[in-house]
């Protein structure tokens, strides 16, 4: 029973790792159809979304089962680097090669520079957390790589298919987003975590949104809804961290 307890979170971490690996493998195949009408590029983006969902389950079960280990933490970091560092960068690169080849040829150095910065910042973010445990109670310091990878995956999904917002594929916006996300990952901004609060209605709101995200994400439905959720969480979470920065830091100092 004890071994099973530790195996559960590690199983979800392994799934996260595999989703990122498969996403990297499929991205170069571009517009080639796979399993119906979805292109390999679209599948690649959805696999990163799956990786996000599995990553959250691995943390959830590690805490619930009291099964956090150093091995699990290191495995989780490796999986995150693959799924939310390397895979999103590859998705951006190969979406450009598939959908905007001329633009890519003209702006190749800019694309390579942005991609390199994104992957390095994801690695630095993960290493900083592992070494310094730099996140504070209730808050991330900088954008977590999981969230950054989700942003890129959803952006590519919405730009490469008909959607509610009328978005079209825009290489400048996509590469600019990759650059901005890289900077946010290594920033000193505070981002509020999704944790239990004292307000019952707010907790119910969080739980409802989590169920919606898992339902639509696993079913590969309505990426527009997922993008709205991610956008609200990112903007409100960072805004909260900016407005209450002094209070957050004072709590951190007192608890140290």
Protein backbone atom coordinates (compact mmCIF):
# COMPACT_ATOMS: atom_id res chain seq x y z
CA UNK A 1 0.00 0.00 0.00
CA UNK A 2 2.88 2.34 0.83
CA UNK A 3 4.43 1.82 -2.61
CA UNK A 4 1.09 2.46 -4.30
CA UNK A 5 0.80 5.72 -2.43
CA UNK A 6 4.05 6.96 -3.98
CA UNK A 7 3.32 5.43 -7.36
CA UNK A 8 0.15 7.48 -7.94
CA UNK A 9 1.73 10.96 -8.22
CA UNK A 10 4.73 9.54 -10.09
CA UNK A 11 2.34 7.93 -12.59
CA UNK A 12 0.79 11.32 -13.39
CA UNK A 13 4.26 12.88 -13.63
CA UNK A 14 5.21 10.13 -16.09
CA UNK A 15 2.11 10.86 -18.16
CA UNK A 16 3.06 14.53 -18.16
CA UNK A 17 6.54 13.55 -19.39
CA UNK A 18 5.13 11.36 -22.16
CA UNK A 19 2.64 13.98 -23.33
CA UNK A 20 5.48 16.44 -23.79
CA UNK A 21 7.61 13.85 -25.58
CA UNK A 22 4.79 12.95 -27.98
CA UNK A 23 4.06 16.65 -28.55
CA UNK A 24 7.66 17.20 -29.64
CA UNK A 25 7.51 14.16 -31.91
CA UNK A 26 4.28 15.28 -33.62
CA UNK A 27 5.01 19.00 -34.04
CA UNK A 28 7.43 18.59 -37.02
CA UNK A 29 4.71 16.69 -38.93
CA UNK A 30 2.76 19.96 -39.20
CA UNK A 31 -0.50 19.77 -41.10
CA UNK A 32 -0.40 16.00 -41.63
CA UNK A 33 -3.78 14.62 -40.45
CA UNK A 34 -3.82 12.17 -37.56
CA UNK A 35 -6.80 10.32 -36.08
CA UNK A 36 -9.48 12.15 -38.04
CA UNK A 37 -9.52 15.79 -39.01
CA UNK A 38 -6.98 17.03 -36.48
CA UNK A 39 -3.52 17.85 -37.79
CA UNK A 40 -0.38 16.64 -36.03
CA UNK A 41 0.27 20.25 -35.02
CA UNK A 42 -3.15 20.47 -33.37
CA UNK A 43 -2.61 17.15 -31.61
CA UNK A 44 0.75 18.40 -30.40
CA UNK A 45 -0.89 21.45 -28.81
CA UNK A 46 -3.62 19.35 -27.18
CA UNK A 47 -0.98 17.02 -25.73
CA UNK A 48 0.59 20.01 -23.97
CA UNK A 49 -2.86 20.82 -22.55
CA UNK A 50 -3.06 17.21 -21.33
CA UNK A 51 0.39 17.61 -19.77
CA UNK A 52 -0.87 20.66 -17.86
CA UNK A 53 -3.81 18.68 -16.48
CA UNK A 54 -1.65 15.68 -15.50
CA UNK A 55 0.90 17.98 -13.86
CA UNK A 56 -1.77 19.43 -11.59
CA UNK A 57 -3.01 15.94 -10.68
CA UNK A 58 0.47 14.84 -9.74
CA UNK A 59 0.79 17.70 -7.25
CA UNK A 60 -2.73 17.15 -5.94
CA UNK A 61 -2.20 13.46 -5.19
CA UNK A 62 1.30 14.01 -3.78
CA UNK A 63 -0.20 16.31 -1.16
CA UNK A 64 -3.37 14.32 -0.52
CA UNK A 65 -1.50 11.03 -0.12
CA UNK A 66 1.43 12.62 1.72
CA UNK A 67 3.63 11.11 -0.97
CA UNK A 68 6.04 13.95 -1.78
CA UNK A 69 9.62 12.72 -2.30
CA UNK A 70 12.87 14.18 -3.61
CA UNK A 71 12.74 11.66 -6.45
CA UNK A 72 9.25 12.81 -7.40
CA UNK A 73 10.30 16.46 -7.27
CA UNK A 74 13.25 15.87 -9.61
CA UNK A 75 11.15 13.77 -11.99
CA UNK A 76 8.49 16.49 -12.01
CA UNK A 77 11.06 19.15 -12.96
CA UNK A 78 12.37 17.04 -15.83
CA UNK A 79 8.85 16.42 -17.08
CA UNK A 80 7.99 20.13 -16.82
CA UNK A 81 11.08 21.13 -18.79
CA UNK A 82 10.07 18.77 -21.60
CA UNK A 83 6.33 19.50 -21.61
CA UNK A 84 6.29 23.23 -20.82
CA UNK A 85 9.75 24.32 -21.93
CA UNK A 86 10.86 22.41 -24.98
CA UNK A 87 7.49 21.21 -26.38
CA UNK A 88 5.82 24.68 -26.60
CA UNK A 89 8.95 26.11 -28.23
CA UNK A 90 8.88 23.34 -30.83
CA UNK A 91 5.17 23.89 -31.43
CA UNK A 92 5.78 27.58 -32.14
CA UNK A 93 8.71 26.82 -34.47
CA UNK A 94 6.96 24.13 -36.50
CA UNK A 95 3.68 26.03 -36.66
CA UNK A 96 5.67 28.84 -38.27
CA UNK A 97 7.30 26.43 -40.71
CA UNK A 98 3.88 25.00 -41.61
CA UNK A 99 1.73 28.15 -41.70
CA UNK A 100 4.12 31.07 -42.20
CA UNK A 101 7.23 29.72 -43.94
CA UNK A 102 8.08 32.99 -45.70
CA UNK A 103 7.74 34.97 -42.46
CA UNK A 104 9.94 32.41 -40.69
CA UNK A 105 12.65 32.71 -43.35
CA UNK A 106 12.62 36.51 -43.05
CA UNK A 107 12.61 36.56 -39.24
CA UNK A 108 14.59 33.41 -38.51
CA UNK A 109 17.08 34.95 -36.08
CA UNK A 110 14.27 36.61 -34.12
CA UNK A 111 12.41 33.29 -33.89
CA UNK A 112 15.50 31.35 -32.79
CA UNK A 113 16.32 34.03 -30.24
CA UNK A 114 12.80 33.99 -28.77
CA UNK A 115 12.72 30.19 -28.72
CA UNK A 116 16.12 30.01 -27.01
CA UNK A 117 15.11 32.58 -24.42
CA UNK A 118 11.85 30.73 -23.70
CA UNK A 119 13.52 27.34 -23.17
CA UNK A 120 16.31 28.82 -21.04
CA UNK A 121 13.89 30.81 -18.89
CA UNK A 122 11.78 27.69 -18.33
CA UNK A 123 14.92 25.85 -17.21
CA UNK A 124 16.01 28.74 -14.96
CA UNK A 125 12.50 28.97 -13.44
CA UNK A 126 12.51 25.27 -12.58
CA UNK A 127 16.09 25.27 -11.29
CA UNK A 128 15.49 28.39 -9.17
CA UNK A 129 12.48 26.76 -7.55
CA UNK A 130 14.29 23.47 -6.86
CA UNK A 131 17.37 25.10 -5.36
CA UNK A 132 15.89 28.09 -3.55
CA UNK A 133 12.29 26.96 -3.02
CA UNK A 134 11.65 30.56 -4.08
CA UNK A 135 7.85 30.46 -4.21
CA UNK A 136 6.14 31.82 -1.08
CA UNK A 137 3.07 30.47 0.68
CA UNK A 138 0.03 31.04 -1.52
CA UNK A 139 1.99 32.63 -4.36
CA UNK A 140 4.29 31.77 -7.24
CA UNK A 141 7.32 33.97 -7.82
CA UNK A 142 7.22 34.47 -11.57
CA UNK A 143 4.94 32.61 -13.95
CA UNK A 144 5.13 28.82 -13.52
CA UNK A 145 6.30 26.99 -16.65
CA UNK A 146 3.06 24.98 -16.62
CA UNK A 147 1.02 28.13 -17.16
CA UNK A 148 3.39 29.45 -19.84
CA UNK A 149 3.16 26.17 -21.77
CA UNK A 150 -0.63 26.23 -21.52
CA UNK A 151 -0.72 29.77 -22.93
CA UNK A 152 1.28 28.77 -26.00
CA UNK A 153 -0.66 25.56 -26.62
CA UNK A 154 -4.03 27.34 -26.45
CA UNK A 155 -2.82 30.25 -28.58
CA UNK A 156 -1.70 27.87 -31.33
CA UNK A 157 -4.97 25.91 -31.13
CA UNK A 158 -7.07 29.05 -31.52
CA UNK A 159 -4.91 30.50 -34.29
CA UNK A 160 -5.02 27.33 -36.37
CA UNK A 161 -8.78 26.61 -36.28
CA UNK A 162 -12.06 28.54 -36.50
CA UNK A 163 -12.88 30.05 -33.10
CA UNK A 164 -15.29 32.32 -31.30
CA UNK A 165 -12.91 35.27 -31.26
CA UNK A 166 -12.11 35.29 -34.96
CA UNK A 167 -8.39 34.84 -34.26
CA UNK A 168 -6.18 34.09 -37.24
CA UNK A 169 -2.63 32.83 -37.31
CA UNK A 170 -0.34 35.76 -36.56
CA UNK A 171 3.36 34.83 -36.36
CA UNK A 172 4.41 38.17 -34.87
CA UNK A 173 1.90 37.89 -32.03
CA UNK A 174 2.81 34.25 -31.36
CA UNK A 175 6.57 34.83 -31.20
CA UNK A 176 6.05 38.02 -29.20
CA UNK A 177 3.92 36.04 -26.73
CA UNK A 178 6.67 33.43 -26.42
CA UNK A 179 9.17 36.21 -25.63
CA UNK A 180 6.88 37.81 -23.02
CA UNK A 181 6.13 34.48 -21.33
CA UNK A 182 9.87 33.81 -21.07
CA UNK A 183 10.39 37.08 -19.20
CA UNK A 184 7.42 36.44 -16.91
CA UNK A 185 8.81 33.04 -15.90
CA UNK A 186 12.00 34.59 -14.49
CA UNK A 187 10.34 37.75 -13.16
CA UNK A 188 9.98 38.62 -9.48
CA UNK A 189 6.23 39.21 -9.83
CA UNK A 190 3.90 37.36 -7.47
CA UNK A 191 1.10 35.24 -8.92
CA UNK A 192 -1.63 34.03 -6.58
CA UNK A 193 -1.96 30.23 -6.42
CA UNK A 194 -5.23 28.33 -6.68
CA UNK A 195 -5.58 27.44 -3.02
CA UNK A 196 -8.42 27.20 -0.53
CA UNK A 197 -9.55 30.64 0.66
CA UNK A 198 -11.72 31.78 3.56
CA UNK A 199 -14.57 32.72 1.21
CA UNK A 200 -16.84 29.72 0.54
CA UNK A 201 -18.35 31.10 -2.70
CA UNK A 202 -14.90 31.86 -4.09
CA UNK A 203 -13.79 28.30 -3.30
CA UNK A 204 -16.83 26.92 -5.13
CA UNK A 205 -16.02 29.19 -8.08
CA UNK A 206 -12.47 27.81 -8.18
CA UNK A 207 -13.66 24.19 -7.97
CA UNK A 208 -16.24 24.71 -10.73
CA UNK A 209 -13.61 26.20 -13.01
CA UNK A 210 -11.22 23.32 -12.33
CA UNK A 211 -13.90 20.78 -13.29
CA UNK A 212 -14.71 22.76 -16.44
CA UNK A 213 -11.04 22.87 -17.39
CA UNK A 214 -10.59 19.12 -16.96
CA UNK A 215 -13.84 18.32 -18.75
CA UNK A 216 -13.18 20.49 -21.81
CA UNK A 217 -9.43 19.85 -21.81
CA UNK A 218 -9.60 16.05 -21.76
CA UNK A 219 -12.44 16.08 -24.32
CA UNK A 220 -10.49 18.49 -26.55
CA UNK A 221 -13.45 20.87 -26.63
CA UNK A 222 -13.84 24.64 -26.48
CA UNK A 223 -10.23 25.87 -26.19
CA UNK A 224 -11.84 29.33 -26.16
CA UNK A 225 -13.21 28.61 -22.68
CA UNK A 226 -9.83 27.33 -21.53
CA UNK A 227 -8.14 30.48 -22.85
CA UNK A 228 -10.65 32.67 -21.01
CA UNK A 229 -9.91 30.77 -17.79
CA UNK A 230 -6.15 31.02 -18.28
CA UNK A 231 -6.38 34.72 -19.15
CA UNK A 232 -8.48 35.58 -16.10
CA UNK A 233 -6.23 33.61 -13.77
CA UNK A 234 -3.06 35.17 -15.20
CA UNK A 235 -4.21 38.78 -15.24
CA UNK A 236 -6.11 38.74 -11.94
CA UNK A 237 -3.42 36.66 -10.22
CA UNK A 238 -0.56 38.96 -11.24
CA UNK A 239 -2.62 42.09 -10.54
CA UNK A 240 -3.37 40.81 -7.04
CA UNK A 241 0.33 40.14 -6.50
CA UNK A 242 1.25 43.65 -7.64
CA UNK A 243 -1.39 45.42 -5.54
CA UNK A 244 -0.62 43.45 -2.36
CA UNK A 245 3.11 42.97 -2.92
CA UNK A 246 4.18 44.65 0.32
CA UNK A 247 1.73 42.59 2.36
CA UNK A 248 2.90 39.36 0.70
CA UNK A 249 6.56 40.16 1.35
CA UNK A 250 5.89 41.15 4.96
CA UNK A 251 4.13 37.83 5.58
CA UNK A 252 7.07 36.02 4.01
CA UNK A 253 9.56 37.87 6.24
CA UNK A 254 7.55 37.17 9.41
CA UNK A 255 7.24 33.46 8.56
CA UNK A 256 10.95 33.06 7.75
